[in-house]
PDB file of all heavy atoms in Angstrom:
ATOM      1  N   CYS A   1     110.440 101.600  84.698  1.00  0.00           N
ATOM      2  CA  CYS A   1     110.422 100.455  85.567  1.00  0.00           C
ATOM      3  C   CYS A   1     109.631 100.742  86.794  1.00  0.00           C
ATOM      4  O   CYS A   1     109.464 101.919  87.103  1.00  0.00           O
ATOM      5  CB  CYS A   1     111.838  99.993  85.917  1.00  0.00           C
ATOM      6  SG  CYS A   1     112.731 101.103  87.001  1.00  0.00           S
ATOM      7  N   ALA A   2     109.126  99.685  87.428  1.00  0.00           N
ATOM      8  CA  ALA A   2     108.280  99.917  88.612  1.00  0.00           C
ATOM      9  C   ALA A   2     108.365  98.713  89.568  1.00  0.00           C
ATOM     10  O   ALA A   2     108.736  97.617  89.116  1.00  0.00           O
ATOM     11  CB  ALA A   2     106.813 100.074  88.116  1.00  0.00           C
ATOM     12  N   VAL A   3     108.016  98.997  90.807  1.00  0.00           N
ATOM     13  CA  VAL A   3     108.053  97.953  91.807  1.00  0.00           C
ATOM     14  C   VAL A   3     106.631  97.903  92.404  1.00  0.00           C
ATOM     15  O   VAL A   3     106.042  98.924  92.737  1.00  0.00           O
ATOM     16  CB  VAL A   3     109.031  98.253  92.896  1.00  0.00           C
ATOM     17  CG1 VAL A   3     109.018  97.180  94.012  1.00  0.00           C
ATOM     18  CG2 VAL A   3     110.453  98.296  92.354  1.00  0.00           C
ATOM     19  N   SER A   4     106.134  96.681  92.648  1.00  0.00           N
ATOM     20  CA  SER A   4     104.762  96.532  93.090  1.00  0.00           C
ATOM     21  C   SER A   4     104.640  96.924  94.578  1.00  0.00           C
ATOM     22  O   SER A   4     105.568  96.913  95.353  1.00  0.00           O
ATOM     23  CB  SER A   4     104.289  95.035  92.941  1.00  0.00           C
ATOM     24  OG  SER A   4     105.074  94.192  93.807  1.00  0.00           O
ATOM     25  N   ARG A   5     103.403  97.330  94.845  1.00  0.00           N
ATOM     26  CA  ARG A   5     103.078  97.762  96.230  1.00  0.00           C
ATOM     27  C   ARG A   5     103.078  96.540  97.183  1.00  0.00           C
ATOM     28  O   ARG A   5     103.537  96.611  98.289  1.00  0.00           O
ATOM     29  CB  ARG A   5     101.717  98.444  96.243  1.00  0.00           C
ATOM     30  CG  ARG A   5     101.236  98.862  97.590  1.00  0.00           C
ATOM     31  CD  ARG A   5      99.905  99.619  97.481  1.00  0.00           C
ATOM     32  NE  ARG A   5     100.020 100.848  96.616  1.00  0.00           N
ATOM     33  CZ  ARG A   5      99.591 100.947  95.403  1.00  0.00           C
ATOM     34  NH1 ARG A   5      99.001  99.925  94.796  1.00  0.00           N
ATOM     35  NH2 ARG A   5      99.731 102.064  94.726  1.00  0.00           N
ATOM     36  N   GLU A   6     102.528  95.469  96.717  1.00  0.00           N
ATOM     37  CA  GLU A   6     102.378  94.257  97.542  1.00  0.00           C
ATOM     38  C   GLU A   6     103.516  93.277  97.193  1.00  0.00           C
ATOM     39  O   GLU A   6     104.115  93.343  96.118  1.00  0.00           O
ATOM     40  CB  GLU A   6     100.984  93.586  97.295  1.00  0.00           C
ATOM     41  CG  GLU A   6      99.863  94.506  97.567  1.00  0.00           C
ATOM     42  CD  GLU A   6      99.687  94.919  98.977  1.00  0.00           C
ATOM     43  OE1 GLU A   6     100.173  94.158  99.884  1.00  0.00           O
ATOM     44  OE2 GLU A   6      99.068  95.934  99.278  1.00  0.00           O
ATOM     45  N   THR A   7     103.675  92.315  98.080  1.00  0.00           N
ATOM     46  CA  THR A   7     104.620  91.208  97.812  1.00  0.00           C
ATOM     47  C   THR A   7     104.065  90.333  96.674  1.00  0.00           C
ATOM     48  O   THR A   7     102.829  90.338  96.441  1.00  0.00           O
ATOM     49  CB  THR A   7     104.899  90.367  99.027  1.00  0.00           C
ATOM     50  OG1 THR A   7     103.688  89.844  99.549  1.00  0.00           O
ATOM     51  CG2 THR A   7     105.574  91.230 100.067  1.00  0.00           C
ATOM     52  N   SER A   8     104.877  89.608  96.032  1.00  0.00           N
ATOM     53  CA  SER A   8     104.475  88.783  94.914  1.00  0.00           C
ATOM     54  C   SER A   8     103.359  87.781  95.392  1.00  0.00           C
ATOM     55  O   SER A   8     103.442  87.174  96.511  1.00  0.00           O
ATOM     56  CB  SER A   8     105.626  87.941  94.387  1.00  0.00           C
ATOM     57  OG  SER A   8     106.573  88.826  93.783  1.00  0.00           O
ATOM     58  N   SER A   9     102.418  87.563  94.507  1.00  0.00           N
ATOM     59  CA  SER A   9     101.344  86.574  94.758  1.00  0.00           C
ATOM     60  C   SER A   9     101.789  85.207  94.268  1.00  0.00           C
ATOM     61  O   SER A   9     102.880  85.105  93.651  1.00  0.00           O
ATOM     62  CB  SER A   9     100.019  87.002  94.162  1.00  0.00           C
ATOM     63  OG  SER A   9     100.138  86.860  92.793  1.00  0.00           O
ATOM     64  N   TRP A  10     100.903  84.230  94.422  1.00  0.00           N
ATOM     65  CA  TRP A  10     101.201  82.891  93.916  1.00  0.00           C
ATOM     66  C   TRP A  10     100.778  82.729  92.478  1.00  0.00           C
ATOM     67  O   TRP A  10     100.979  81.715  91.862  1.00  0.00           O
ATOM     68  CB  TRP A  10     100.462  81.854  94.787  1.00  0.00           C
ATOM     69  CG  TRP A  10     101.067  81.735  96.124  1.00  0.00           C
ATOM     70  CD1 TRP A  10     100.523  82.243  97.317  1.00  0.00           C
ATOM     71  CD2 TRP A  10     102.300  81.175  96.491  1.00  0.00           C
ATOM     72  NE1 TRP A  10     101.402  81.955  98.323  1.00  0.00           N
ATOM     73  CE2 TRP A  10     102.467  81.349  97.840  1.00  0.00           C
ATOM     74  CE3 TRP A  10     103.333  80.522  95.746  1.00  0.00           C
ATOM     75  CZ2 TRP A  10     103.592  80.877  98.552  1.00  0.00           C
ATOM     76  CZ3 TRP A  10     104.424  80.020  96.423  1.00  0.00           C
ATOM     77  CH2 TRP A  10     104.513  80.199  97.833  1.00  0.00           C
ATOM     78  N   SER A  11     100.143  83.796  91.885  1.00  0.00           N
ATOM     79  CA  SER A  11      99.699  83.728  90.522  1.00  0.00           C
ATOM     80  C   SER A  11     100.681  84.600  89.686  1.00  0.00           C
ATOM     81  O   SER A  11     101.776  84.939  90.112  1.00  0.00           O
ATOM     82  CB  SER A  11      98.219  84.214  90.383  1.00  0.00           C
ATOM     83  OG  SER A  11      98.178  85.517  90.795  1.00  0.00           O
ATOM     84  N   ASP A  12     100.234  84.939  88.488  1.00  0.00           N
ATOM     85  CA  ASP A  12     101.062  85.716  87.567  1.00  0.00           C
ATOM     86  C   ASP A  12     101.401  87.068  88.157  1.00  0.00           C
ATOM     87  O   ASP A  12     100.659  87.626  88.919  1.00  0.00           O
ATOM     88  CB  ASP A  12     100.410  85.879  86.205  1.00  0.00           C
ATOM     89  CG  ASP A  12     100.324  84.609  85.445  1.00  0.00           C
ATOM     90  OD1 ASP A  12     101.144  83.673  85.752  1.00  0.00           O
ATOM     91  OD2 ASP A  12      99.510  84.479  84.539  1.00  0.00           O
ATOM     92  N   PRO A  13     102.528  87.629  87.756  1.00  0.00           N
ATOM     93  CA  PRO A  13     102.889  88.982  88.211  1.00  0.00           C
ATOM     94  C   PRO A  13     101.867  89.958  87.876  1.00  0.00           C
ATOM     95  O   PRO A  13     101.070  89.855  86.905  1.00  0.00           O
ATOM     96  CB  PRO A  13     104.241  89.268  87.523  1.00  0.00           C
ATOM     97  CG  PRO A  13     104.793  87.920  87.134  1.00  0.00           C
ATOM     98  CD  PRO A  13     103.604  87.066  86.923  1.00  0.00           C
ATOM     99  N   PHE A  14     101.825  91.075  88.695  1.00  0.00           N
ATOM    100  CA  PHE A  14     100.888  92.157  88.484  1.00  0.00           C
ATOM    101  C   PHE A  14     101.121  92.852  87.148  1.00  0.00           C
ATOM    102  O   PHE A  14     102.273  93.101  86.766  1.00  0.00           O
ATOM    103  CB  PHE A  14     100.991  93.165  89.580  1.00  0.00           C
ATOM    104  CG  PHE A  14     100.786  92.617  90.986  1.00  0.00           C
ATOM    105  CD1 PHE A  14     101.811  92.638  91.898  1.00  0.00           C
ATOM    106  CD2 PHE A  14      99.588  92.056  91.339  1.00  0.00           C
ATOM    107  CE1 PHE A  14     101.640  92.101  93.151  1.00  0.00           C
ATOM    108  CE2 PHE A  14      99.396  91.546  92.608  1.00  0.00           C
ATOM    109  CZ  PHE A  14     100.431  91.552  93.528  1.00  0.00           C
ATOM    110  N   SER A  15     100.071  93.161  86.404  1.00  0.00           N
ATOM    111  CA  SER A  15     100.171  93.919  85.213  1.00  0.00           C
ATOM    112  C   SER A  15      99.475  95.286  85.233  1.00  0.00           C
ATOM    113  O   SER A  15      99.632  96.073  84.361  1.00  0.00           O
ATOM    114  CB  SER A  15      99.635  93.123  84.013  1.00  0.00           C
ATOM    115  OG  SER A  15      98.235  92.823  84.174  1.00  0.00           O
ATOM    116  N   GLU A  16      98.723  95.537  86.313  1.00  0.00           N
ATOM    117  CA  GLU A  16      97.978  96.754  86.413  1.00  0.00           C
ATOM    118  C   GLU A  16      98.850  97.854  86.949  1.00  0.00           C
ATOM    119  O   GLU A  16      99.596  97.656  87.925  1.00  0.00           O
ATOM    120  CB  GLU A  16      96.760  96.620  87.337  1.00  0.00           C
ATOM    121  CG  GLU A  16      95.794  95.500  86.961  1.00  0.00           C
ATOM    122  CD  GLU A  16      96.268  94.128  87.428  1.00  0.00           C
ATOM    123  OE1 GLU A  16      97.233  94.066  88.193  1.00  0.00           O
ATOM    124  OE2 GLU A  16      95.624  93.094  87.067  1.00  0.00           O
ATOM    125  N   ILE A  17      98.788  99.059  86.382  1.00  0.00           N
ATOM    126  CA  ILE A  17      99.530 100.215  86.840  1.00  0.00           C
ATOM    127  C   ILE A  17      99.248 100.455  88.304  1.00  0.00           C
ATOM    128  O   ILE A  17     100.209 100.749  89.078  1.00  0.00           O
ATOM    129  CB  ILE A  17      99.206 101.427  85.994  1.00  0.00           C
ATOM    130  CG1 ILE A  17      99.740 101.253  84.558  1.00  0.00           C
ATOM    131  CG2 ILE A  17      99.773 102.689  86.636  1.00  0.00           C
ATOM    132  CD1 ILE A  17      99.357 102.372  83.627  1.00  0.00           C
ATOM    133  N   SER A  18      98.005 100.300  88.720  1.00  0.00           N
ATOM    134  CA  SER A  18      97.703 100.578  90.136  1.00  0.00           C
ATOM    135  C   SER A  18      98.296  99.663  91.117  1.00  0.00           C
ATOM    136  O   SER A  18      98.304  99.963  92.298  1.00  0.00           O
ATOM    137  CB  SER A  18      96.157 100.502  90.207  1.00  0.00           C
ATOM    138  OG  SER A  18      95.681  99.237  89.915  1.00  0.00           O
ATOM    139  N   SER A  19      98.894  98.578  90.685  1.00  0.00           N
ATOM    140  CA  SER A  19      99.520  97.604  91.559  1.00  0.00           C
ATOM    141  C   SER A  19     100.960  97.993  91.908  1.00  0.00           C
ATOM    142  O   SER A  19     101.604  97.387  92.763  1.00  0.00           O
ATOM    143  CB  SER A  19      99.527  96.225  90.974  1.00  0.00           C
ATOM    144  OG  SER A  19      98.229  95.670  90.772  1.00  0.00           O
ATOM    145  N   TYR A  20     101.440  98.998  91.226  1.00  0.00           N
ATOM    146  CA  TYR A  20     102.873  99.427  91.378  1.00  0.00           C
ATOM    147  C   TYR A  20     102.926 100.802  92.036  1.00  0.00           C
ATOM    148  O   TYR A  20     102.227 101.742  91.717  1.00  0.00           O
ATOM    149  CB  TYR A  20     103.518  99.516  90.014  1.00  0.00           C
ATOM    150  CG  TYR A  20     103.758  98.063  89.438  1.00  0.00           C
ATOM    151  CD1 TYR A  20     102.713  97.446  88.765  1.00  0.00           C
ATOM    152  CD2 TYR A  20     104.938  97.423  89.617  1.00  0.00           C
ATOM    153  CE1 TYR A  20     102.876  96.165  88.276  1.00  0.00           C
ATOM    154  CE2 TYR A  20     105.123  96.154  89.086  1.00  0.00           C
ATOM    155  CZ  TYR A  20     104.082  95.503  88.474  1.00  0.00           C
ATOM    156  OH  TYR A  20     104.266  94.258  87.962  1.00  0.00           O
ATOM    157  N   SER A  21     103.817 100.846  93.044  1.00  0.00           N
ATOM    158  CA  SER A  21     103.890 102.114  93.853  1.00  0.00           C
ATOM    159  C   SER A  21     105.194 102.898  93.683  1.00  0.00           C
ATOM    160  O   SER A  21     105.200 104.051  94.044  1.00  0.00           O
ATOM    161  CB  SER A  21     103.681 101.758  95.321  1.00  0.00           C
ATOM    162  OG  SER A  21     104.639 100.839  95.749  1.00  0.00           O
ATOM    163  N   TYR A  22     106.226 102.240  93.181  1.00  0.00           N
ATOM    164  CA  TYR A  22     107.459 102.963  92.956  1.00  0.00           C
ATOM    165  C   TYR A  22     107.768 102.987  91.428  1.00  0.00           C
ATOM    166  O   TYR A  22     107.670 101.907  90.788  1.00  0.00           O
ATOM    167  CB  TYR A  22     108.617 102.267  93.685  1.00  0.00           C
ATOM    168  CG  TYR A  22     108.460 102.243  95.179  1.00  0.00           C
ATOM    169  CD1 TYR A  22     108.070 101.071  95.860  1.00  0.00           C
ATOM    170  CD2 TYR A  22     108.757 103.432  95.924  1.00  0.00           C
ATOM    171  CE1 TYR A  22     107.924 101.105  97.244  1.00  0.00           C
ATOM    172  CE2 TYR A  22     108.633 103.439  97.291  1.00  0.00           C
ATOM    173  CZ  TYR A  22     108.234 102.234  97.972  1.00  0.00           C
ATOM    174  OH  TYR A  22     108.066 102.255  99.329  1.00  0.00           O
ATOM    175  N   TRP A  23     108.158 104.115  90.968  1.00  0.00           N
ATOM    176  CA  TRP A  23     108.367 104.268  89.523  1.00  0.00           C
ATOM    177  C   TRP A  23     109.718 105.058  89.260  1.00  0.00           C
ATOM    178  O   TRP A  23     110.080 105.909  90.023  1.00  0.00           O
ATOM    179  CB  TRP A  23     107.255 105.141  88.908  1.00  0.00           C
ATOM    180  CG  TRP A  23     105.954 104.398  88.940  1.00  0.00           C
ATOM    181  CD1 TRP A  23     105.025 104.400  89.933  1.00  0.00           C
ATOM    182  CD2 TRP A  23     105.393 103.648  87.873  1.00  0.00           C
ATOM    183  NE1 TRP A  23     103.928 103.601  89.583  1.00  0.00           N
ATOM    184  CE2 TRP A  23     104.123 103.139  88.300  1.00  0.00           C
ATOM    185  CE3 TRP A  23     105.862 103.243  86.588  1.00  0.00           C
ATOM    186  CZ2 TRP A  23     103.321 102.312  87.561  1.00  0.00           C
ATOM    187  CZ3 TRP A  23     105.022 102.451  85.840  1.00  0.00           C
ATOM    188  CH2 TRP A  23     103.777 101.985  86.269  1.00  0.00           C
ATOM    189  N   GLY A  24     110.357 104.695  88.165  1.00  0.00           N
ATOM    190  CA  GLY A  24     111.500 105.429  87.727  1.00  0.00           C
ATOM    191  C   GLY A  24     111.093 106.602  86.913  1.00  0.00           C
ATOM    192  O   GLY A  24     109.899 106.899  86.629  1.00  0.00           O
ATOM    193  N   GLN A  25     112.077 107.361  86.452  1.00  0.00           N
ATOM    194  CA  GLN A  25     111.819 108.577  85.682  1.00  0.00           C
ATOM    195  C   GLN A  25     111.638 108.318  84.165  1.00  0.00           C
ATOM    196  O   GLN A  25     111.146 109.195  83.431  1.00  0.00           O
ATOM    197  CB  GLN A  25     112.937 109.629  85.879  1.00  0.00           C
ATOM    198  CG  GLN A  25     114.150 109.447  85.013  1.00  0.00           C
ATOM    199  CD  GLN A  25     114.975 108.189  85.303  1.00  0.00           C
ATOM    200  OE1 GLN A  25     114.803 107.561  86.361  1.00  0.00           O
ATOM    201  NE2 GLN A  25     115.879 107.838  84.408  1.00  0.00           N
ATOM    202  N   GLY A  26     111.994 107.162  83.771  1.00  0.00           N
ATOM    203  CA  GLY A  26     111.816 106.753  82.375  1.00  0.00           C
ATOM    204  C   GLY A  26     113.071 106.931  81.521  1.00  0.00           C
ATOM    205  O   GLY A  26     113.890 107.786  81.771  1.00  0.00           O
ATOM    206  N   THR A  27     113.109 106.098  80.503  1.00  0.00           N
ATOM    207  CA  THR A  27     114.205 106.177  79.543  1.00  0.00           C
ATOM    208  C   THR A  27     113.585 106.136  78.119  1.00  0.00           C
ATOM    209  O   THR A  27     112.728 105.221  77.900  1.00  0.00           O
ATOM    210  CB  THR A  27     115.255 105.110  79.738  1.00  0.00           C
ATOM    211  OG1 THR A  27     116.379 105.308  78.810  1.00  0.00           O
ATOM    212  CG2 THR A  27     114.736 103.702  79.544  1.00  0.00           C
ATOM    213  N   GLN A  28     114.048 106.971  77.185  1.00  0.00           N
ATOM    214  CA  GLN A  28     113.437 107.041  75.823  1.00  0.00           C
ATOM    215  C   GLN A  28     114.035 105.934  74.976  1.00  0.00           C
ATOM    216  O   GLN A  28     115.248 105.799  74.856  1.00  0.00           O
ATOM    217  CB  GLN A  28     113.697 108.400  75.245  1.00  0.00           C
ATOM    218  CG  GLN A  28     113.234 108.535  73.773  1.00  0.00           C
ATOM    219  CD  GLN A  28     111.684 108.598  73.714  1.00  0.00           C
ATOM    220  OE1 GLN A  28     111.019 109.240  74.478  1.00  0.00           O
ATOM    221  NE2 GLN A  28     111.124 107.848  72.730  1.00  0.00           N
ATOM    222  N   VAL A  29     113.136 105.247  74.310  1.00  0.00           N
ATOM    223  CA  VAL A  29     113.529 104.299  73.261  1.00  0.00           C
ATOM    224  C   VAL A  29     112.880 104.783  71.961  1.00  0.00           C
ATOM    225  O   VAL A  29     111.659 104.896  71.888  1.00  0.00           O
ATOM    226  CB  VAL A  29     113.092 102.858  73.612  1.00  0.00           C
ATOM    227  CG1 VAL A  29     113.303 101.978  72.445  1.00  0.00           C
ATOM    228  CG2 VAL A  29     113.796 102.387  74.827  1.00  0.00           C
TER     229      VAL A  29
END
């Protein structure tokens, strides 16, 4: 999971990895 660096825009949510600055450690599926 990740949280974006910037606040939400008026268009679709960010999909680029570079737009996200906080990341979890991951969970295996």
